Amino acid sequence: MSGQLLPSHELMPNVPADLTPEQRVQLWVDLMDTCEQFLLAGLRRTTASDEGLRTAYRKWYSERMEEHDRTVAHMAEEFHRRLGADGG
């Protein structure tokens, strides 16, 4: 598995085929909540107070959104460059 970005299919977690759409959404929400808890735990290591945690979270979020905006702007520039000014 060395050098692979994704694990082999056998190692990937499976979602049961008989889940309802609502159960699938709940599974996704649970995953997102878990990821947020990991993020908060990491940020909590940098501060001792709840206010400091909120500040650290806002800073982290702001930085991610700036990065996202740069990525979207770059993609738009690339689309424009590759398609030309006439769109095709």
Protein backbone atom coordinates (compact mmCIF):
# COMPACT_ATOMS: atom_id res chain seq x y z
CA MET A 1 0.00 0.00 0.00
CA SER A 2 3.05 2.25 0.11
CA GLY A 3 2.72 5.23 -2.21
CA GLN A 4 -1.06 4.91 -2.60
CA LEU A 5 -3.33 7.82 -1.80
CA LEU A 6 -6.31 5.62 -1.06
CA PRO A 7 -6.37 2.29 0.73
CA SER A 8 -7.24 -0.81 -1.21
CA HIS A 9 -10.92 -1.58 -1.67
CA GLU A 10 -10.74 -4.36 0.93
CA LEU A 11 -9.68 -1.88 3.64
CA MET A 12 -12.31 0.73 2.88
CA PRO A 13 -15.24 0.92 5.31
CA ASN A 14 -18.53 -0.33 3.92
CA VAL A 15 -21.89 1.38 4.23
CA PRO A 16 -24.62 -1.22 4.60
CA ALA A 17 -26.70 -1.39 1.42
CA ASP A 18 -29.99 -1.54 3.30
CA LEU A 19 -29.70 1.87 4.98
CA THR A 20 -32.48 4.33 4.31
CA PRO A 21 -31.61 7.77 2.94
CA GLU A 22 -32.23 9.21 6.41
CA GLN A 23 -29.84 6.69 7.97
CA ARG A 24 -27.19 7.52 5.37
CA VAL A 25 -27.53 11.22 6.15
CA GLN A 26 -27.28 10.48 9.87
CA LEU A 27 -24.13 8.44 9.24
CA TRP A 28 -22.64 11.41 7.37
CA VAL A 29 -23.67 13.84 10.14
CA ASP A 30 -22.07 11.56 12.75
CA LEU A 31 -18.85 11.53 10.72
CA MET A 32 -18.87 15.33 10.44
CA ASP A 33 -19.47 15.65 14.22
CA THR A 34 -16.57 13.30 14.89
CA CYS A 35 -14.28 15.30 12.62
CA GLU A 36 -15.30 18.51 14.39
CA GLN A 37 -14.48 16.92 17.75
CA PHE A 38 -10.99 16.04 16.48
CA LEU A 39 -10.55 19.61 15.22
CA LEU A 40 -11.70 21.09 18.53
CA ALA A 41 -9.41 18.75 20.46
CA GLY A 42 -6.46 19.90 18.38
CA LEU A 43 -7.36 23.56 18.83
CA ARG A 44 -7.98 23.06 22.55
CA ARG A 45 -4.32 22.10 22.92
CA THR A 46 -3.41 25.68 21.96
CA THR A 47 -5.63 27.45 24.51
CA ALA A 48 -6.87 27.01 28.05
CA SER A 49 -10.16 28.92 27.93
CA ASP A 50 -13.45 28.49 26.12
CA GLU A 51 -13.11 32.03 24.72
CA GLY A 52 -9.64 31.17 23.43
CA LEU A 53 -11.07 28.04 21.81
CA ARG A 54 -13.77 30.08 20.07
CA THR A 55 -11.15 32.56 18.88
CA ALA A 56 -8.89 29.75 17.62
CA TYR A 57 -11.84 28.13 15.81
CA ARG A 58 -12.81 31.42 14.14
CA LYS A 59 -9.19 31.95 13.05
CA TRP A 60 -8.93 28.39 11.71
CA TYR A 61 -12.24 28.73 9.84
CA SER A 62 -11.29 32.11 8.39
CA GLU A 63 -7.98 30.73 7.12
CA ARG A 64 -9.71 27.72 5.52
CA MET A 65 -12.27 29.96 3.81
CA GLU A 66 -9.53 32.26 2.47
CA GLU A 67 -7.75 29.18 1.12
CA HIS A 68 -11.01 27.95 -0.40
CA ASP A 69 -11.67 31.32 -2.03
CA ARG A 70 -8.17 31.34 -3.54
CA THR A 71 -8.71 27.82 -4.89
CA VAL A 72 -12.07 28.72 -6.47
CA ALA A 73 -10.61 31.90 -7.99
CA HIS A 74 -7.71 29.90 -9.41
CA MET A 75 -10.11 27.34 -10.89
CA ALA A 76 -12.18 30.11 -12.49
CA GLU A 77 -9.04 31.66 -13.97
CA GLU A 78 -7.99 28.25 -15.34
CA PHE A 79 -11.42 27.63 -16.88
CA HIS A 80 -11.31 31.06 -18.48
CA ARG A 81 -7.77 30.53 -19.74
CA ARG A 82 -8.48 27.07 -21.15
CA LEU A 83 -11.83 27.89 -22.69
CA GLY A 84 -10.83 31.32 -23.93
CA ALA A 85 -12.75 34.53 -23.64
CA ASP A 86 -15.49 33.26 -25.99
CA GLY A 87 -16.31 30.29 -23.71
CA GLY A 88 -15.39 27.54 -26.05
